[in-house]
C-alpha atoms as a PDB file:
ATOM      1  CA  MET A   1     -35.027  12.602 -12.650  1.00  0.00           C
ATOM      2  CA  THR A   2     -38.077  10.472 -13.231  1.00  0.00           C
ATOM      3  CA  TRP A   3     -40.738  10.387 -15.890  1.00  0.00           C
ATOM      4  CA  LYS A   4     -44.191  10.916 -14.451  1.00  0.00           C
ATOM      5  CA  HIS A   5     -47.631  12.264 -15.253  1.00  0.00           C
ATOM      6  CA  PRO A   6     -48.382  15.774 -13.914  1.00  0.00           C
ATOM      7  CA  SER A   7     -50.962  14.342 -11.488  1.00  0.00           C
ATOM      8  CA  SER A   8     -48.603  11.616 -10.192  1.00  0.00           C
ATOM      9  CA  PRO A   9     -47.688  11.783  -6.496  1.00  0.00           C
ATOM     10  CA  ASP A  10     -44.257  13.084  -5.558  1.00  0.00           C
ATOM     11  CA  THR A  11     -41.535  10.471  -5.736  1.00  0.00           C
ATOM     12  CA  LYS A  12     -40.151   9.274  -2.427  1.00  0.00           C
ATOM     13  CA  LYS A  13     -36.437   9.542  -1.924  1.00  0.00           C
ATOM     14  CA  PHE A  14     -34.507   6.929  -0.071  1.00  0.00           C
ATOM     15  CA  LYS A  15     -32.711   8.064   3.024  1.00  0.00           C
ATOM     16  CA  VAL A  16     -29.198   8.784   1.885  1.00  0.00           C
ATOM     17  CA  GLN A  17     -26.358   7.808   4.159  1.00  0.00           C
ATOM     18  CA  ARG A  18     -23.062   9.544   4.016  1.00  0.00           C
ATOM     19  CA  SER A  19     -20.624   7.491   1.953  1.00  0.00           C
ATOM     20  CA  ALA A  20     -17.674   6.031   3.732  1.00  0.00           C
ATOM     21  CA  ALA A  21     -14.588   8.133   3.281  1.00  0.00           C
ATOM     22  CA  LYS A  22     -11.543   6.465   1.820  1.00  0.00           C
ATOM     23  CA  VAL A  23      -8.399   6.090   3.856  1.00  0.00           C
ATOM     24  CA  MET A  24      -5.105   5.753   2.046  1.00  0.00           C
ATOM     25  CA  ALA A  25      -2.502   3.687   3.812  1.00  0.00           C
ATOM     26  CA  THR A  26       1.057   3.103   2.674  1.00  0.00           C
ATOM     27  CA  VAL A  27       2.580  -0.072   4.084  1.00  0.00           C
ATOM     28  CA  PHE A  28       6.303  -0.765   4.155  1.00  0.00           C
ATOM     29  CA  TRP A  29       7.123  -4.321   5.159  1.00  0.00           C
ATOM     30  CA  ASP A  30       9.810  -6.962   4.922  1.00  0.00           C
ATOM     31  CA  ALA A  31      10.188 -10.642   5.774  1.00  0.00           C
ATOM     32  CA  LYS A  32       9.913  -9.865   9.504  1.00  0.00           C
ATOM     33  CA  GLY A  33       6.751  -7.760   9.413  1.00  0.00           C
ATOM     34  CA  VAL A  34       5.469  -4.224   8.995  1.00  0.00           C
ATOM     35  CA  ILE A  35       8.095  -1.534   9.346  1.00  0.00           C
ATOM     36  CA  LEU A  36       5.815   1.464   8.791  1.00  0.00           C
ATOM     37  CA  LEU A  37       2.094   1.966   8.286  1.00  0.00           C
ATOM     38  CA  ASP A  38       1.612   5.531   7.087  1.00  0.00           C
ATOM     39  CA  ILE A  39      -1.906   6.948   6.879  1.00  0.00           C
ATOM     40  CA  LEU A  40      -2.534   9.877   4.560  1.00  0.00           C
ATOM     41  CA  PRO A  41      -4.644  12.587   6.244  1.00  0.00           C
ATOM     42  CA  GLN A  42      -8.056  13.251   4.680  1.00  0.00           C
ATOM     43  CA  GLY A  43      -7.919  15.823   1.904  1.00  0.00           C
ATOM     44  CA  GLN A  44      -4.238  15.307   1.120  1.00  0.00           C
ATOM     45  CA  CYS A  45      -2.760  13.586  -1.881  1.00  0.00           C
ATOM     46  CA  ILE A  46       0.548  11.884  -2.361  1.00  0.00           C
ATOM     47  CA  ASN A  47       3.059  13.937  -4.257  1.00  0.00           C
ATOM     48  CA  ALA A  48       6.842  13.739  -4.274  1.00  0.00           C
ATOM     49  CA  ALA A  49       7.235  15.971  -1.213  1.00  0.00           C
ATOM     50  CA  ARG A  50       4.732  13.930   0.785  1.00  0.00           C
ATOM     51  CA  TYR A  51       6.366  10.671  -0.336  1.00  0.00           C
ATOM     52  CA  CYS A  52       9.810  11.938   0.716  1.00  0.00           C
ATOM     53  CA  SER A  53       8.313  12.851   4.089  1.00  0.00           C
ATOM     54  CA  THR A  54       7.013   9.284   4.347  1.00  0.00           C
ATOM     55  CA  LEU A  55      10.487   7.987   3.461  1.00  0.00           C
ATOM     56  CA  ASP A  56      11.875  10.123   6.308  1.00  0.00           C
ATOM     57  CA  ARG A  57       9.459   8.369   8.677  1.00  0.00           C
ATOM     58  CA  LEU A  58      10.457   5.028   7.173  1.00  0.00           C
ATOM     59  CA  LYS A  59      14.102   5.792   7.835  1.00  0.00           C
ATOM     60  CA  GLU A  60      13.258   6.546  11.495  1.00  0.00           C
ATOM     61  CA  ALA A  61      11.231   3.315  11.686  1.00  0.00           C
ATOM     62  CA  PHE A  62      14.257   1.364  10.395  1.00  0.00           C
ATOM     63  CA  HIS A  63      16.326   2.805  13.260  1.00  0.00           C
ATOM     64  CA  ARG A  64      13.702   1.671  15.777  1.00  0.00           C
ATOM     65  CA  LYS A  65      12.608  -1.678  14.347  1.00  0.00           C
ATOM     66  CA  ARG A  66      15.549  -2.922  12.268  1.00  0.00           C
ATOM     67  CA  PRO A  67      18.688  -1.482  13.888  1.00  0.00           C
ATOM     68  CA  GLY A  68      21.740  -1.949  11.703  1.00  0.00           C
ATOM     69  CA  LEU A  69      19.755  -2.518   8.532  1.00  0.00           C
ATOM     70  CA  LEU A  70      20.464   0.980   7.233  1.00  0.00           C
ATOM     71  CA  ARG A  71      24.220   0.295   7.438  1.00  0.00           C
ATOM     72  CA  ARG A  72      23.824  -2.900   5.389  1.00  0.00           C
ATOM     73  CA  GLY A  73      21.738  -1.104   2.788  1.00  0.00           C
ATOM     74  CA  VAL A  74      18.085  -0.773   1.946  1.00  0.00           C
ATOM     75  CA  VAL A  75      16.543  -2.215  -1.190  1.00  0.00           C
ATOM     76  CA  LEU A  76      13.148  -0.634  -1.727  1.00  0.00           C
ATOM     77  CA  GLN A  77      10.529  -1.810  -4.163  1.00  0.00           C
ATOM     78  CA  HIS A  78       7.895   0.637  -5.244  1.00  0.00           C
ATOM     79  CA  ASP A  79       6.038   0.990  -8.509  1.00  0.00           C
ATOM     80  CA  ASN A  80       6.515   3.657 -11.162  1.00  0.00           C
ATOM     81  CA  ALA A  81       3.908   6.074  -9.802  1.00  0.00           C
ATOM     82  CA  THR A  82       4.756   9.731 -10.311  1.00  0.00           C
ATOM     83  CA  PRO A  83       5.664  10.443  -6.648  1.00  0.00           C
ATOM     84  CA  HIS A  84       8.058   7.470  -6.717  1.00  0.00           C
ATOM     85  CA  SER A  85       9.818   8.448  -9.919  1.00  0.00           C
ATOM     86  CA  ALA A  86       9.879  12.231  -9.366  1.00  0.00           C
ATOM     87  CA  ASN A  87      13.243  13.992  -9.272  1.00  0.00           C
ATOM     88  CA  LEU A  88      12.754  14.990  -5.631  1.00  0.00           C
ATOM     89  CA  THR A  89      12.234  11.351  -4.642  1.00  0.00           C
ATOM     90  CA  GLN A  90      15.180  10.176  -6.737  1.00  0.00           C
ATOM     91  CA  GLN A  91      17.395  12.778  -5.056  1.00  0.00           C
ATOM     92  CA  TRP A  92      16.228  11.619  -1.619  1.00  0.00           C
ATOM     93  CA  LEU A  93      17.012   7.985  -2.473  1.00  0.00           C
ATOM     94  CA  GLN A  94      20.462   8.881  -3.837  1.00  0.00           C
ATOM     95  CA  ARG A  95      21.269  11.021  -0.779  1.00  0.00           C
ATOM     96  CA  TYR A  96      20.674   8.041   1.537  1.00  0.00           C
ATOM     97  CA  GLY A  97      22.036   5.400  -0.839  1.00  0.00           C
ATOM     98  CA  TRP A  98      18.853   3.349  -0.998  1.00  0.00           C
ATOM     99  CA  GLU A  99      18.696   0.935  -3.897  1.00  0.00           C
ATOM    100  CA  ILE A 100      15.502   0.574  -5.904  1.00  0.00           C
ATOM    101  CA  LEU A 101      14.414  -2.843  -7.090  1.00  0.00           C
ATOM    102  CA  PRO A 102      13.122  -2.227 -10.612  1.00  0.00           C
ATOM    103  CA  HIS A 103       9.395  -2.627 -11.066  1.00  0.00           C
ATOM    104  CA  PRO A 104       8.174  -3.121 -14.639  1.00  0.00           C
ATOM    105  CA  ALA A 105       5.019  -1.178 -15.484  1.00  0.00           C
ATOM    106  CA  HIS A 106       1.706  -3.008 -15.085  1.00  0.00           C
ATOM    107  CA  SER A 107       3.241  -5.874 -13.108  1.00  0.00           C
ATOM    108  CA  PRO A 108       1.209  -6.398  -9.924  1.00  0.00           C
ATOM    109  CA  ASP A 109       2.498  -9.962  -9.988  1.00  0.00           C
ATOM    110  CA  LEU A 110       5.922  -8.595  -8.952  1.00  0.00           C
ATOM    111  CA  ALA A 111       4.703  -6.419  -6.077  1.00  0.00           C
ATOM    112  CA  PRO A 112       4.414  -8.410  -2.828  1.00  0.00           C
ATOM    113  CA  SER A 113       1.796  -6.041  -1.459  1.00  0.00           C
ATOM    114  CA  ASP A 114      -0.378  -6.650  -4.527  1.00  0.00           C
ATOM    115  CA  PHE A 115       0.011 -10.423  -4.759  1.00  0.00           C
ATOM    116  CA  HIS A 116       0.331 -11.286  -1.048  1.00  0.00           C
ATOM    117  CA  LEU A 117      -0.865  -8.572   1.322  1.00  0.00           C
ATOM    118  CA  PHE A 118      -3.902  -6.753  -0.080  1.00  0.00           C
ATOM    119  CA  GLY A 119      -6.015  -9.838  -0.856  1.00  0.00           C
ATOM    120  CA  PRO A 120      -6.026 -11.149   2.723  1.00  0.00           C
ATOM    121  CA  LEU A 121      -6.511  -7.603   4.027  1.00  0.00           C
ATOM    122  CA  LYS A 122      -9.556  -7.071   1.779  1.00  0.00           C
ATOM    123  CA  ARG A 123     -11.022 -10.403   2.911  1.00  0.00           C
ATOM    124  CA  HIS A 124     -10.472  -9.444   6.555  1.00  0.00           C
ATOM    125  CA  LEU A 125     -12.119  -6.035   6.177  1.00  0.00           C
ATOM    126  CA  GLY A 126     -14.940  -7.309   3.935  1.00  0.00           C
ATOM    127  CA  GLY A 127     -18.371  -6.508   5.348  1.00  0.00           C
ATOM    128  CA  MET A 128     -17.032  -4.384   8.196  1.00  0.00           C
ATOM    129  CA  ALA A 129     -18.307  -0.861   8.741  1.00  0.00           C
ATOM    130  CA  PHE A 130     -16.412   1.751  10.716  1.00  0.00           C
ATOM    131  CA  GLU A 131     -17.841   4.778  12.470  1.00  0.00           C
ATOM    132  CA  THR A 132     -14.648   6.806  12.148  1.00  0.00           C
ATOM    133  CA  ASP A 133     -11.352   6.741  10.282  1.00  0.00           C
ATOM    134  CA  ASP A 134      -9.651   6.113  13.620  1.00  0.00           C
ATOM    135  CA  ASP A 135     -11.685   2.906  14.049  1.00  0.00           C
ATOM    136  CA  LEU A 136     -10.527   1.689  10.643  1.00  0.00           C
ATOM    137  CA  ILE A 137      -6.905   2.653  11.329  1.00  0.00           C
ATOM    138  CA  SER A 138      -7.056   0.845  14.654  1.00  0.00           C
ATOM    139  CA  GLU A 139      -8.371  -2.281  12.914  1.00  0.00           C
ATOM    140  CA  LEU A 140      -5.602  -2.052  10.295  1.00  0.00           C
ATOM    141  CA  ARG A 141      -2.912  -1.801  12.976  1.00  0.00           C
ATOM    142  CA  ASN A 142      -4.467  -4.669  14.913  1.00  0.00           C
ATOM    143  CA  TRP A 143      -4.631  -6.894  11.819  1.00  0.00           C
ATOM    144  CA  PHE A 144      -1.015  -6.227  10.867  1.00  0.00           C
ATOM    145  CA  ASP A 145       0.172  -6.706  14.471  1.00  0.00           C
ATOM    146  CA  ASN A 146      -1.546 -10.094  14.710  1.00  0.00           C
ATOM    147  CA  LEU A 147      -0.146 -11.554  11.494  1.00  0.00           C
ATOM    148  CA  ASP A 148       2.380 -14.312  12.033  1.00  0.00           C
ATOM    149  CA  VAL A 149       5.935 -13.523  10.934  1.00  0.00           C
ATOM    150  CA  ASP A 150       5.730 -16.499   8.539  1.00  0.00           C
ATOM    151  CA  PHE A 151       3.056 -14.625   6.574  1.00  0.00           C
ATOM    152  CA  PHE A 152       5.573 -11.871   5.756  1.00  0.00           C
ATOM    153  CA  ARG A 153       8.451 -14.276   5.128  1.00  0.00           C
ATOM    154  CA  VAL A 154       6.394 -16.274   2.610  1.00  0.00           C
ATOM    155  CA  GLY A 155       5.392 -13.080   0.774  1.00  0.00           C
ATOM    156  CA  ILE A 156       8.948 -11.820   0.419  1.00  0.00           C
ATOM    157  CA  ASN A 157      10.373 -15.251  -0.443  1.00  0.00           C
ATOM    158  CA  SER A 158       7.784 -15.759  -3.182  1.00  0.00           C
ATOM    159  CA  LEU A 159       9.099 -12.619  -4.857  1.00  0.00           C
ATOM    160  CA  LEU A 160      12.234 -14.540  -5.857  1.00  0.00           C
ATOM    161  CA  SER A 161      10.317 -17.194  -7.782  1.00  0.00           C
ATOM    162  CA  ARG A 162       8.071 -14.559  -9.384  1.00  0.00           C
ATOM    163  CA  TRP A 163      11.108 -12.612 -10.607  1.00  0.00           C
ATOM    164  CA  GLN A 164      12.570 -15.831 -12.002  1.00  0.00           C
ATOM    165  CA  LYS A 165       9.312 -16.529 -13.897  1.00  0.00           C
ATOM    166  CA  PHE A 166       9.371 -12.940 -15.172  1.00  0.00           C
ATOM    167  CA  ILE A 167      12.926 -13.444 -16.451  1.00  0.00           C
ATOM    168  CA  ASP A 168      12.128 -16.868 -17.938  1.00  0.00           C
ATOM    169  CA  LEU A 169       9.070 -15.427 -19.742  1.00  0.00           C
ATOM    170  CA  HIS A 170      11.111 -12.460 -21.049  1.00  0.00           C
ATOM    171  CA  GLY A 171       8.938  -9.929 -19.233  1.00  0.00           C
ATOM    172  CA  ASP A 172       5.511 -11.402 -19.953  1.00  0.00           C
ATOM    173  CA  TYR A 173       2.831 -11.230 -17.295  1.00  0.00           C
ATOM    174  CA  VAL A 174       3.229 -13.695 -14.420  1.00  0.00           C
ATOM    175  CA  GLU A 175       0.236 -15.148 -12.622  1.00  0.00           C
ATOM    176  CA  LYS A 176       1.240 -17.170  -9.571  1.00  0.00           C
END
């Protein structure tokens, strides 16, 4: 709405472009690289059932990319989001014997994706525009595929020192 005099000319509207749709990607990675990049279809949300379905795909990806790792045991770190802490998810994790690395609430400094992965990804994608979701997904896959294995190793290894700082500070917030 605009304030105008009754004899004022009609206001001109700017040409409105359709806003870019958001794409939600879940990335599971370890010191050797990405194990699974799961893209949530448009219009869906993550709930416990969907997250368990993603864990099923992760389990299959372990068989393909990290043979033998499932026998040695999986330690998974995820935050305390509702789909992660739901009974259905907890039952799934118990059924397959996956261990959960505790994640204190409001601690992005203890999540390798938050402190190591998303910053460089945002810088890489900054200023880019994509015609379709598939173009964006293709760029995501390409970026992850071209990262050096040392990038992932450094991210996982830095988790140890961050946990030690967390312990030394009795649970206070850790910044680098």
